[in-house]
């Protein structure tokens, strides 16, 4: 099930699998035709946009 125009933020301590979970979810939803965006806020260029 898709929820258009929804935003989710995943927060948690280091090294618990946040990035792994998001990348897995991103691949699965993209394969189903969902439009997904992933921004790593540790990369300075994303903070300027």
PDB file of N, CA and C in Angstrom:
ATOM      1  N   UNK A   1       0.845  -1.168   0.000  1.00  0.00           N
ATOM      2  CA  UNK A   1       0.000   0.000   0.000  1.00  0.00           C
ATOM      3  C   UNK A   1       0.895   1.237   0.000  1.00  0.00           C
ATOM      4  N   UNK A   2       0.566   2.176  -0.854  1.00  0.00           N
ATOM      5  CA  UNK A   2       1.334   3.411  -0.951  1.00  0.00           C
ATOM      6  C   UNK A   2       0.608   4.536  -0.238  1.00  0.00           C
ATOM      7  N   UNK A   3       1.371   5.431   0.334  1.00  0.00           N
ATOM      8  CA  UNK A   3       0.827   6.616   0.986  1.00  0.00           C
ATOM      9  C   UNK A   3       1.436   7.830   0.293  1.00  0.00           C
ATOM     10  N   UNK A   4       0.794   8.297  -0.777  1.00  0.00           N
ATOM     11  CA  UNK A   4       1.387   9.403  -1.525  1.00  0.00           C
ATOM     12  C   UNK A   4       1.574  10.649  -0.672  1.00  0.00           C
ATOM     13  N   UNK A   5       2.652  11.358  -0.976  1.00  0.00           N
ATOM     14  CA  UNK A   5       2.978  12.630  -0.328  1.00  0.00           C
ATOM     15  C   UNK A   5       3.162  12.502   1.176  1.00  0.00           C
ATOM     16  N   UNK A   6       3.699  11.393   1.605  1.00  0.00           N
ATOM     17  CA  UNK A   6       4.011  11.198   3.024  1.00  0.00           C
ATOM     18  C   UNK A   6       5.521  11.236   3.198  1.00  0.00           C
ATOM     19  N   UNK A   7       5.942  11.709   4.332  1.00  0.00           N
ATOM     20  CA  UNK A   7       7.361  11.768   4.653  1.00  0.00           C
ATOM     21  C   UNK A   7       7.614  10.975   5.922  1.00  0.00           C
ATOM     22  N   UNK A   8       8.676  10.207   5.909  1.00  0.00           N
ATOM     23  CA  UNK A   8       9.062   9.453   7.106  1.00  0.00           C
ATOM     24  C   UNK A   8      10.516   9.775   7.420  1.00  0.00           C
ATOM     25  N   UNK A   9      10.804   9.919   8.681  1.00  0.00           N
ATOM     26  CA  UNK A   9      12.170  10.152   9.136  1.00  0.00           C
ATOM     27  C   UNK A   9      12.520   9.036  10.104  1.00  0.00           C
ATOM     28  N   UNK A  10      13.644   8.396   9.861  1.00  0.00           N
ATOM     29  CA  UNK A  10      14.085   7.296  10.713  1.00  0.00           C
ATOM     30  C   UNK A  10      15.266   7.771  11.552  1.00  0.00           C
ATOM     31  N   UNK A  11      15.090   7.757  12.840  1.00  0.00           N
ATOM     32  CA  UNK A  11      16.136   8.177  13.773  1.00  0.00           C
ATOM     33  C   UNK A  11      16.530   7.015  14.665  1.00  0.00           C
ATOM     34  N   UNK A  12      17.767   6.984  15.085  1.00  0.00           N
ATOM     35  CA  UNK A  12      18.206   5.946  16.004  1.00  0.00           C
ATOM     36  C   UNK A  12      19.696   6.040  16.237  1.00  0.00           C
ATOM     37  N   UNK A  13      20.188   5.277  17.187  1.00  0.00           N
ATOM     38  CA  UNK A  13      21.617   5.298  17.485  1.00  0.00           C
ATOM     39  C   UNK A  13      22.438   4.734  16.320  1.00  0.00           C
ATOM     40  N   UNK A  14      23.722   4.966  16.376  1.00  0.00           N
ATOM     41  CA  UNK A  14      24.628   4.480  15.338  1.00  0.00           C
ATOM     42  C   UNK A  14      24.682   2.951  15.324  1.00  0.00           C
ATOM     43  N   UNK A  15      24.912   2.438  14.114  1.00  0.00           N
ATOM     44  CA  UNK A  15      25.209   1.012  13.924  1.00  0.00           C
ATOM     45  C   UNK A  15      24.074   0.064  14.315  1.00  0.00           C
ATOM     46  N   UNK A  16      22.815   0.488  14.128  1.00  0.00           N
ATOM     47  CA  UNK A  16      21.707  -0.415  14.454  1.00  0.00           C
ATOM     48  C   UNK A  16      20.960  -0.898  13.207  1.00  0.00           C
ATOM     49  N   UNK A  17      21.390  -0.448  12.003  1.00  0.00           N
ATOM     50  CA  UNK A  17      20.781  -0.934  10.772  1.00  0.00           C
ATOM     51  C   UNK A  17      19.809   0.024  10.102  1.00  0.00           C
ATOM     52  N   UNK A  18      19.849   1.301  10.438  1.00  0.00           N
ATOM     53  CA  UNK A  18      18.931   2.281   9.840  1.00  0.00           C
ATOM     54  C   UNK A  18      19.130   2.371   8.325  1.00  0.00           C
ATOM     55  N   UNK A  19      20.373   2.523   7.898  1.00  0.00           N
ATOM     56  CA  UNK A  19      20.656   2.656   6.473  1.00  0.00           C
ATOM     57  C   UNK A  19      20.303   1.376   5.735  1.00  0.00           C
ATOM     58  N   UNK A  20      20.629   0.236   6.298  1.00  0.00           N
ATOM     59  CA  UNK A  20      20.285  -1.046   5.678  1.00  0.00           C
ATOM     60  C   UNK A  20      18.777  -1.151   5.488  1.00  0.00           C
ATOM     61  N   UNK A  21      18.019  -0.835   6.523  1.00  0.00           N
ATOM     62  CA  UNK A  21      16.559  -0.909   6.457  1.00  0.00           C
ATOM     63  C   UNK A  21      16.010   0.028   5.386  1.00  0.00           C
ATOM     64  N   UNK A  22      16.491   1.257   5.357  1.00  0.00           N
ATOM     65  CA  UNK A  22      15.998   2.220   4.374  1.00  0.00           C
ATOM     66  C   UNK A  22      16.335   1.813   2.950  1.00  0.00           C
ATOM     67  N   UNK A  23      17.545   1.319   2.725  1.00  0.00           N
ATOM     68  CA  UNK A  23      17.929   0.905   1.372  1.00  0.00           C
ATOM     69  C   UNK A  23      17.114  -0.297   0.912  1.00  0.00           C
ATOM     70  N   UNK A  24      16.865  -1.224   1.806  1.00  0.00           N
ATOM     71  CA  UNK A  24      16.035  -2.395   1.482  1.00  0.00           C
ATOM     72  C   UNK A  24      14.606  -1.958   1.145  1.00  0.00           C
ATOM     73  N   UNK A  25      14.036  -1.101   1.975  1.00  0.00           N
ATOM     74  CA  UNK A  25      12.689  -0.591   1.742  1.00  0.00           C
ATOM     75  C   UNK A  25      12.635   0.212   0.446  1.00  0.00           C
ATOM     76  N   UNK A  26      13.643   1.033   0.207  1.00  0.00           N
ATOM     77  CA  UNK A  26      13.733   1.826  -1.013  1.00  0.00           C
ATOM     78  C   UNK A  26      13.688   0.921  -2.246  1.00  0.00           C
ATOM     79  N   UNK A  27      14.489  -0.142  -2.253  1.00  0.00           N
ATOM     80  CA  UNK A  27      14.531  -1.057  -3.396  1.00  0.00           C
ATOM     81  C   UNK A  27      13.187  -1.744  -3.602  1.00  0.00           C
ATOM     82  N   UNK A  28      12.563  -2.191  -2.523  1.00  0.00           N
ATOM     83  CA  UNK A  28      11.290  -2.905  -2.648  1.00  0.00           C
ATOM     84  C   UNK A  28      10.171  -1.986  -3.123  1.00  0.00           C
ATOM     85  N   UNK A  29      10.084  -0.790  -2.566  1.00  0.00           N
ATOM     86  CA  UNK A  29       9.037   0.143  -2.985  1.00  0.00           C
ATOM     87  C   UNK A  29       9.265   0.633  -4.409  1.00  0.00           C
ATOM     88  N   UNK A  30      10.511   0.882  -4.774  1.00  0.00           N
ATOM     89  CA  UNK A  30      10.824   1.307  -6.140  1.00  0.00           C
ATOM     90  C   UNK A  30      10.428   0.226  -7.141  1.00  0.00           C
ATOM     91  N   UNK A  31      10.661  -1.026  -6.800  1.00  0.00           N
ATOM     92  CA  UNK A  31      10.294  -2.139  -7.679  1.00  0.00           C
ATOM     93  C   UNK A  31       8.785  -2.224  -7.876  1.00  0.00           C
ATOM     94  N   UNK A  32       8.034  -1.728  -6.902  1.00  0.00           N
ATOM     95  CA  UNK A  32       6.570  -1.720  -7.001  1.00  0.00           C
ATOM     96  C   UNK A  32       6.040  -0.466  -7.687  1.00  0.00           C
ATOM     97  N   UNK A  33       6.942   0.426  -8.070  1.00  0.00           N
ATOM     98  CA  UNK A  33       6.541   1.628  -8.791  1.00  0.00           C
ATOM     99  C   UNK A  33       6.409   2.879  -7.943  1.00  0.00           C
ATOM    100  N   UNK A  34       6.760   2.803  -6.686  1.00  0.00           N
ATOM    101  CA  UNK A  34       6.681   3.985  -5.815  1.00  0.00           C
ATOM    102  C   UNK A  34       7.851   4.915  -6.119  1.00  0.00           C
ATOM    103  N   UNK A  35       7.617   6.188  -5.982  1.00  0.00           N
ATOM    104  CA  UNK A  35       8.681   7.179  -6.147  1.00  0.00           C
ATOM    105  C   UNK A  35       9.278   7.446  -4.779  1.00  0.00           C
ATOM    106  N   UNK A  36      10.533   7.107  -4.623  1.00  0.00           N
ATOM    107  CA  UNK A  36      11.198   7.224  -3.322  1.00  0.00           C
ATOM    108  C   UNK A  36      12.419   8.121  -3.445  1.00  0.00           C
ATOM    109  N   UNK A  37      12.738   8.785  -2.359  1.00  0.00           N
ATOM    110  CA  UNK A  37      13.936   9.621  -2.294  1.00  0.00           C
ATOM    111  C   UNK A  37      14.652   9.308  -0.995  1.00  0.00           C
ATOM    112  N   UNK A  38      15.970   9.261  -1.081  1.00  0.00           N
ATOM    113  CA  UNK A  38      16.795   8.992   0.097  1.00  0.00           C
ATOM    114  C   UNK A  38      17.830  10.097   0.192  1.00  0.00           C
ATOM    115  N   UNK A  39      17.892  10.756   1.329  1.00  0.00           N
ATOM    116  CA  UNK A  39      18.872  11.813   1.556  1.00  0.00           C
ATOM    117  C   UNK A  39      19.681  11.472   2.791  1.00  0.00           C
ATOM    118  N   UNK A  40      20.981  11.414   2.626  1.00  0.00           N
ATOM    119  CA  UNK A  40      21.884  11.205   3.749  1.00  0.00           C
ATOM    120  C   UNK A  40      22.278  12.582   4.265  1.00  0.00           C
ATOM    121  N   UNK A  41      21.795  12.957   5.427  1.00  0.00           N
ATOM    122  CA  UNK A  41      22.028  14.302   5.941  1.00  0.00           C
ATOM    123  C   UNK A  41      23.431  14.503   6.487  1.00  0.00           C
ATOM    124  N   UNK A  42      24.274  13.489   6.373  1.00  0.00           N
ATOM    125  CA  UNK A  42      25.683  13.671   6.705  1.00  0.00           C
ATOM    126  C   UNK A  42      26.460  14.200   5.502  1.00  0.00           C
ATOM    127  N   UNK A  43      25.802  14.296   4.351  1.00  0.00           N
ATOM    128  CA  UNK A  43      26.422  14.838   3.143  1.00  0.00           C
ATOM    129  C   UNK A  43      26.009  16.308   3.035  1.00  0.00           C
ATOM    130  N   UNK A  44      26.971  17.226   3.120  1.00  0.00           N
ATOM    131  CA  UNK A  44      26.657  18.660   3.185  1.00  0.00           C
ATOM    132  C   UNK A  44      25.776  19.188   2.055  1.00  0.00           C
ATOM    133  N   UNK A  45      25.902  18.670   0.831  1.00  0.00           N
ATOM    134  CA  UNK A  45      25.109  19.220  -0.276  1.00  0.00           C
ATOM    135  C   UNK A  45      23.610  19.024  -0.050  1.00  0.00           C
ATOM    136  N   UNK A  46      23.199  17.982   0.652  1.00  0.00           N
ATOM    137  CA  UNK A  46      21.778  17.774   0.926  1.00  0.00           C
ATOM    138  C   UNK A  46      21.247  18.772   1.946  1.00  0.00           C
ATOM    139  N   UNK A  47      22.094  19.256   2.806  1.00  0.00           N
ATOM    140  CA  UNK A  47      21.667  20.216   3.817  1.00  0.00           C
ATOM    141  C   UNK A  47      21.428  21.597   3.225  1.00  0.00           C
ATOM    142  N   UNK A  48      22.009  21.878   2.061  1.00  0.00           N
ATOM    143  CA  UNK A  48      21.864  23.185   1.423  1.00  0.00           C
ATOM    144  C   UNK A  48      20.630  23.269   0.549  1.00  0.00           C
ATOM    145  N   UNK A  49      20.035  22.141   0.160  1.00  0.00           N
ATOM    146  CA  UNK A  49      18.884  22.142  -0.756  1.00  0.00           C
ATOM    147  C   UNK A  49      17.601  22.440  -0.035  1.00  0.00           C
TER     148      UNK A  49
END
